Amino acid sequence: MASFSFLKKIKSFSNIPYIRLFYLYRGQVFALFLLSLFSSSWLLAAPYISSLFIDKAFLNKDIGNFLNYIFLSAVLFLISILFKTGEDILKNKVAVKLKFDLTNKRIAA
């Protein structure tokens, strides 16, 4: 039977250096994950819309559908850019705070 006596020595992860910093930023890291997921999912819609361009609008010579799909793809592109911009802003904010906290931790130690 395996002995897990080393687990008894670790009472919590907060005793491990730099893990506390992760807990400080866990909400922002989760928000970064969600923003990245949303921006990627909007960009994955592009191949589907391009197939609609070709199959339903271009081959059928339907100018109305063609303009609708152009408008839809432009809106999806703008939404994905919005999510990506929010992700970049939050990423830079977390990076600056984390660097500042790590610098203060090393100076104080």
N, C-alpha and C. Protein backbone atom coordinates (compact mmCIF):
# COMPACT_ATOMS: atom_id res chain seq x y z
N MET A 1 0.84 -1.17 0.00
CA MET A 1 0.00 0.00 0.00
C MET A 1 0.89 1.24 0.00
N ALA A 2 0.55 2.19 -0.83
CA ALA A 2 1.37 3.40 -0.96
C ALA A 2 1.19 4.29 0.25
N SER A 3 2.27 4.89 0.64
CA SER A 3 2.24 5.81 1.78
C SER A 3 2.21 7.24 1.27
N PHE A 4 1.24 7.97 1.70
CA PHE A 4 1.11 9.36 1.31
C PHE A 4 1.42 10.28 2.48
N SER A 5 2.49 9.98 3.20
CA SER A 5 2.84 10.78 4.37
C SER A 5 3.29 12.18 4.00
N PHE A 6 3.79 12.33 2.77
CA PHE A 6 4.22 13.67 2.36
C PHE A 6 3.05 14.64 2.26
N LEU A 7 1.84 14.12 2.03
CA LEU A 7 0.67 14.99 1.96
C LEU A 7 0.32 15.58 3.32
N LYS A 8 0.68 14.90 4.38
CA LYS A 8 0.39 15.43 5.71
C LYS A 8 1.26 16.64 6.02
N LYS A 9 2.42 16.71 5.39
CA LYS A 9 3.32 17.85 5.62
C LYS A 9 2.77 19.12 4.97
N ILE A 10 2.08 18.96 3.87
CA ILE A 10 1.51 20.12 3.18
C ILE A 10 0.10 20.34 3.72
N LYS A 11 -0.05 21.36 4.53
CA LYS A 11 -1.37 21.61 5.12
C LYS A 11 -2.27 22.38 4.17
N SER A 12 -1.68 23.30 3.44
CA SER A 12 -2.45 24.03 2.44
C SER A 12 -1.50 24.53 1.37
N PHE A 13 -2.07 24.86 0.26
CA PHE A 13 -1.25 25.36 -0.84
C PHE A 13 -0.75 26.77 -0.59
N SER A 14 -1.35 27.47 0.39
CA SER A 14 -0.92 28.84 0.65
C SER A 14 0.47 28.88 1.26
N ASN A 15 0.99 27.76 1.76
CA ASN A 15 2.34 27.72 2.30
C ASN A 15 3.39 27.68 1.19
N ILE A 16 2.99 27.26 0.00
CA ILE A 16 3.92 27.19 -1.12
C ILE A 16 4.07 28.60 -1.69
N PRO A 17 5.32 29.05 -1.90
CA PRO A 17 5.52 30.41 -2.41
C PRO A 17 4.86 30.61 -3.77
N TYR A 18 4.37 31.77 -3.99
CA TYR A 18 3.77 32.25 -5.25
C TYR A 18 2.42 31.65 -5.56
N ILE A 19 1.96 30.68 -4.80
CA ILE A 19 0.61 30.15 -5.04
C ILE A 19 -0.42 31.17 -4.56
N ARG A 20 -0.07 31.90 -3.49
CA ARG A 20 -0.98 32.93 -3.00
C ARG A 20 -1.24 33.99 -4.06
N LEU A 21 -0.23 34.28 -4.87
CA LEU A 21 -0.42 35.26 -5.94
C LEU A 21 -1.43 34.76 -6.97
N PHE A 22 -1.40 33.46 -7.24
CA PHE A 22 -2.38 32.91 -8.16
C PHE A 22 -3.79 33.06 -7.60
N TYR A 23 -3.94 32.82 -6.31
CA TYR A 23 -5.26 32.96 -5.70
C TYR A 23 -5.75 34.40 -5.73
N LEU A 24 -4.83 35.36 -5.69
CA LEU A 24 -5.23 36.76 -5.78
C LEU A 24 -5.82 37.09 -7.16
N TYR A 25 -5.30 36.44 -8.17
CA TYR A 25 -5.69 36.76 -9.55
C TYR A 25 -6.56 35.69 -10.19
N ARG A 26 -7.11 34.78 -9.42
CA ARG A 26 -7.86 33.67 -10.03
C ARG A 26 -9.10 34.16 -10.76
N GLY A 27 -9.77 35.20 -10.28
CA GLY A 27 -10.94 35.73 -10.99
C GLY A 27 -10.57 36.34 -12.32
N GLN A 28 -9.46 37.07 -12.33
CA GLN A 28 -9.02 37.70 -13.57
C GLN A 28 -8.49 36.66 -14.56
N VAL A 29 -7.84 35.63 -14.06
CA VAL A 29 -7.37 34.56 -14.94
C VAL A 29 -8.56 33.82 -15.54
N PHE A 30 -9.60 33.61 -14.74
CA PHE A 30 -10.81 32.96 -15.25
C PHE A 30 -11.49 33.85 -16.30
N ALA A 31 -11.52 35.16 -16.06
CA ALA A 31 -12.10 36.08 -17.04
C ALA A 31 -11.28 36.06 -18.33
N LEU A 32 -9.96 35.97 -18.22
CA LEU A 32 -9.11 35.86 -19.41
C LEU A 32 -9.42 34.59 -20.19
N PHE A 33 -9.63 33.50 -19.48
CA PHE A 33 -9.98 32.25 -20.13
C PHE A 33 -11.31 32.37 -20.88
N LEU A 34 -12.30 32.98 -20.24
CA LEU A 34 -13.61 33.14 -20.90
C LEU A 34 -13.52 34.06 -22.11
N LEU A 35 -12.81 35.17 -21.98
CA LEU A 35 -12.67 36.08 -23.12
C LEU A 35 -11.94 35.40 -24.28
N SER A 36 -10.93 34.62 -23.98
CA SER A 36 -10.22 33.90 -25.03
C SER A 36 -11.13 32.87 -25.69
N LEU A 37 -11.93 32.19 -24.89
CA LEU A 37 -12.86 31.19 -25.42
C LEU A 37 -13.90 31.85 -26.33
N PHE A 38 -14.46 32.97 -25.90
CA PHE A 38 -15.48 33.65 -26.71
C PHE A 38 -14.89 34.21 -27.99
N SER A 39 -13.70 34.84 -27.91
CA SER A 39 -13.13 35.40 -29.14
C SER A 39 -12.77 34.30 -30.13
N SER A 40 -12.32 33.16 -29.63
CA SER A 40 -12.00 32.04 -30.53
C SER A 40 -13.26 31.45 -31.14
N SER A 41 -14.32 31.36 -30.36
CA SER A 41 -15.55 30.77 -30.89
C SER A 41 -16.17 31.65 -31.96
N TRP A 42 -16.07 32.96 -31.82
CA TRP A 42 -16.61 33.84 -32.87
C TRP A 42 -15.81 33.69 -34.16
N LEU A 43 -14.50 33.52 -34.03
CA LEU A 43 -13.69 33.37 -35.22
C LEU A 43 -13.90 32.02 -35.90
N LEU A 44 -14.34 31.02 -35.13
CA LEU A 44 -14.61 29.72 -35.73
C LEU A 44 -15.91 29.71 -36.55
N ALA A 45 -16.71 30.74 -36.39
CA ALA A 45 -17.95 30.84 -37.17
C ALA A 45 -17.67 31.29 -38.61
N ALA A 46 -16.50 31.82 -38.87
CA ALA A 46 -16.16 32.34 -40.21
C ALA A 46 -16.26 31.27 -41.30
N PRO A 47 -15.74 30.06 -41.12
CA PRO A 47 -15.88 29.07 -42.20
C PRO A 47 -17.33 28.71 -42.51
N TYR A 48 -18.17 28.67 -41.47
CA TYR A 48 -19.58 28.38 -41.70
C TYR A 48 -20.24 29.49 -42.51
N ILE A 49 -19.94 30.71 -42.17
CA ILE A 49 -20.53 31.84 -42.90
C ILE A 49 -20.00 31.91 -44.33
N SER A 50 -18.73 31.56 -44.52
CA SER A 50 -18.21 31.56 -45.90
C SER A 50 -18.87 30.47 -46.74
N SER A 51 -19.22 29.36 -46.12
CA SER A 51 -19.95 28.33 -46.88
C SER A 51 -21.35 28.83 -47.23
N LEU A 52 -21.97 29.60 -46.33
CA LEU A 52 -23.26 30.20 -46.66
C LEU A 52 -23.14 31.20 -47.79
N PHE A 53 -22.04 31.97 -47.77
CA PHE A 53 -21.78 32.90 -48.88
C PHE A 53 -21.84 32.18 -50.21
N ILE A 54 -21.08 31.11 -50.29
CA ILE A 54 -20.93 30.42 -51.56
C ILE A 54 -22.18 29.65 -51.94
N ASP A 55 -22.73 28.87 -51.01
CA ASP A 55 -23.83 27.97 -51.33
C ASP A 55 -25.16 28.70 -51.52
N LYS A 56 -25.49 29.61 -50.63
CA LYS A 56 -26.83 30.20 -50.66
C LYS A 56 -26.91 31.54 -51.36
N ALA A 57 -25.81 32.29 -51.36
CA ALA A 57 -25.89 33.63 -51.94
C ALA A 57 -25.20 33.73 -53.30
N PHE A 58 -23.97 33.29 -53.39
CA PHE A 58 -23.21 33.48 -54.61
C PHE A 58 -23.69 32.59 -55.74
N LEU A 59 -23.88 31.30 -55.46
CA LEU A 59 -24.30 30.37 -56.52
C LEU A 59 -25.74 30.63 -56.96
N ASN A 60 -26.58 31.06 -56.01
CA ASN A 60 -27.98 31.36 -56.36
C ASN A 60 -28.15 32.78 -56.90
N LYS A 61 -27.08 33.55 -56.92
CA LYS A 61 -27.09 34.94 -57.39
C LYS A 61 -28.15 35.76 -56.65
N ASP A 62 -28.20 35.55 -55.35
CA ASP A 62 -29.16 36.28 -54.49
C ASP A 62 -28.41 37.39 -53.78
N ILE A 63 -28.60 38.61 -54.28
CA ILE A 63 -27.87 39.77 -53.75
C ILE A 63 -28.31 40.10 -52.32
N GLY A 64 -29.58 39.87 -51.99
CA GLY A 64 -30.08 40.17 -50.65
C GLY A 64 -29.40 39.31 -49.59
N ASN A 65 -29.36 38.00 -49.85
CA ASN A 65 -28.67 37.10 -48.92
C ASN A 65 -27.17 37.40 -48.87
N PHE A 66 -26.61 37.76 -50.01
CA PHE A 66 -25.19 38.08 -50.06
C PHE A 66 -24.88 39.26 -49.14
N LEU A 67 -25.68 40.30 -49.21
CA LEU A 67 -25.47 41.46 -48.34
C LEU A 67 -25.73 41.13 -46.87
N ASN A 68 -26.73 40.29 -46.62
CA ASN A 68 -26.99 39.87 -45.24
C ASN A 68 -25.81 39.11 -44.65
N TYR A 69 -25.23 38.21 -45.43
CA TYR A 69 -24.10 37.44 -44.94
C TYR A 69 -22.85 38.31 -44.76
N ILE A 70 -22.70 39.29 -45.63
CA ILE A 70 -21.59 40.24 -45.45
C ILE A 70 -21.77 41.01 -44.15
N PHE A 71 -22.98 41.49 -43.89
CA PHE A 71 -23.26 42.22 -42.66
C PHE A 71 -23.05 41.32 -41.43
N LEU A 72 -23.52 40.08 -41.50
CA LEU A 72 -23.36 39.14 -40.39
C LEU A 72 -21.89 38.85 -40.11
N SER A 73 -21.11 38.65 -41.16
CA SER A 73 -19.69 38.38 -40.96
C SER A 73 -18.96 39.60 -40.41
N ALA A 74 -19.36 40.79 -40.82
CA ALA A 74 -18.75 42.01 -40.28
C ALA A 74 -19.08 42.18 -38.79
N VAL A 75 -20.31 41.89 -38.42
CA VAL A 75 -20.71 41.98 -37.00
C VAL A 75 -19.95 40.95 -36.17
N LEU A 76 -19.84 39.73 -36.65
CA LEU A 76 -19.09 38.70 -35.93
C LEU A 76 -17.61 39.07 -35.80
N PHE A 77 -17.06 39.66 -36.85
CA PHE A 77 -15.67 40.10 -36.79
C PHE A 77 -15.49 41.19 -35.74
N LEU A 78 -16.41 42.16 -35.72
CA LEU A 78 -16.31 43.24 -34.73
C LEU A 78 -16.48 42.72 -33.31
N ILE A 79 -17.38 41.76 -33.11
CA ILE A 79 -17.56 41.17 -31.77
C ILE A 79 -16.29 40.44 -31.34
N SER A 80 -15.69 39.70 -32.25
CA SER A 80 -14.47 38.97 -31.89
C SER A 80 -13.32 39.94 -31.59
N ILE A 81 -13.25 41.04 -32.31
CA ILE A 81 -12.23 42.07 -32.04
C ILE A 81 -12.48 42.71 -30.69
N LEU A 82 -13.74 42.93 -30.34
CA LEU A 82 -14.07 43.49 -29.03
C LEU A 82 -13.62 42.56 -27.91
N PHE A 83 -13.93 41.28 -28.04
CA PHE A 83 -13.50 40.30 -27.03
C PHE A 83 -11.97 40.23 -26.95
N LYS A 84 -11.31 40.25 -28.10
CA LYS A 84 -9.85 40.18 -28.12
C LYS A 84 -9.23 41.42 -27.49
N THR A 85 -9.82 42.59 -27.73
CA THR A 85 -9.31 43.82 -27.12
C THR A 85 -9.48 43.78 -25.61
N GLY A 86 -10.64 43.33 -25.14
CA GLY A 86 -10.84 43.18 -23.70
C GLY A 86 -9.87 42.19 -23.09
N GLU A 87 -9.61 41.12 -23.80
CA GLU A 87 -8.65 40.12 -23.32
C GLU A 87 -7.25 40.72 -23.21
N ASP A 88 -6.83 41.48 -24.22
CA ASP A 88 -5.51 42.09 -24.20
C ASP A 88 -5.37 43.11 -23.08
N ILE A 89 -6.40 43.91 -22.86
CA ILE A 89 -6.36 44.90 -21.79
C ILE A 89 -6.25 44.20 -20.43
N LEU A 90 -7.07 43.19 -20.21
CA LEU A 90 -7.04 42.47 -18.94
C LEU A 90 -5.71 41.72 -18.76
N LYS A 91 -5.19 41.15 -19.84
CA LYS A 91 -3.92 40.43 -19.76
C LYS A 91 -2.79 41.38 -19.37
N ASN A 92 -2.76 42.56 -19.97
CA ASN A 92 -1.72 43.53 -19.62
C ASN A 92 -1.87 44.03 -18.20
N LYS A 93 -3.10 44.23 -17.75
CA LYS A 93 -3.36 44.68 -16.39
C LYS A 93 -2.88 43.65 -15.38
N VAL A 94 -3.19 42.38 -15.61
CA VAL A 94 -2.77 41.31 -14.72
C VAL A 94 -1.24 41.17 -14.75
N ALA A 95 -0.65 41.28 -15.92
CA ALA A 95 0.81 41.14 -16.04
C ALA A 95 1.53 42.23 -15.25
N VAL A 96 1.04 43.46 -15.35
CA VAL A 96 1.68 44.56 -14.63
C VAL A 96 1.53 44.38 -13.12
N LYS A 97 0.33 44.02 -12.67
CA LYS A 97 0.11 43.81 -11.24
C LYS A 97 0.94 42.64 -10.72
N LEU A 98 1.01 41.57 -11.48
CA LEU A 98 1.76 40.40 -11.06
C LEU A 98 3.25 40.71 -10.98
N LYS A 99 3.77 41.43 -11.97
CA LYS A 99 5.19 41.81 -11.93
C LYS A 99 5.47 42.71 -10.74
N PHE A 100 4.56 43.62 -10.46
CA PHE A 100 4.73 44.50 -9.30
C PHE A 100 4.71 43.71 -8.00
N ASP A 101 3.77 42.77 -7.88
CA ASP A 101 3.69 41.95 -6.67
C ASP A 101 4.92 41.06 -6.52
N LEU A 102 5.39 40.48 -7.61
CA LEU A 102 6.59 39.64 -7.53
C LEU A 102 7.83 40.46 -7.17
N THR A 103 7.94 41.67 -7.69
CA THR A 103 9.05 42.54 -7.36
C THR A 103 9.01 42.91 -5.88
N ASN A 104 7.85 43.27 -5.38
CA ASN A 104 7.71 43.61 -3.96
C ASN A 104 7.99 42.41 -3.08
N LYS A 105 7.59 41.23 -3.51
CA LYS A 105 7.81 40.02 -2.72
C LYS A 105 9.30 39.71 -2.65
N ARG A 106 10.01 39.90 -3.74
CA ARG A 106 11.46 39.62 -3.73
C ARG A 106 12.22 40.66 -2.92
N ILE A 107 11.79 41.92 -2.99
CA ILE A 107 12.47 42.95 -2.23
C ILE A 107 12.22 42.76 -0.74
N ALA A 108 10.98 42.38 -0.38
CA ALA A 108 10.64 42.19 1.02
C ALA A 108 11.28 40.94 1.60
N ALA A 109 11.54 39.95 0.77
CA ALA A 109 12.07 38.67 1.27
C ALA A 109 13.54 38.75 1.60
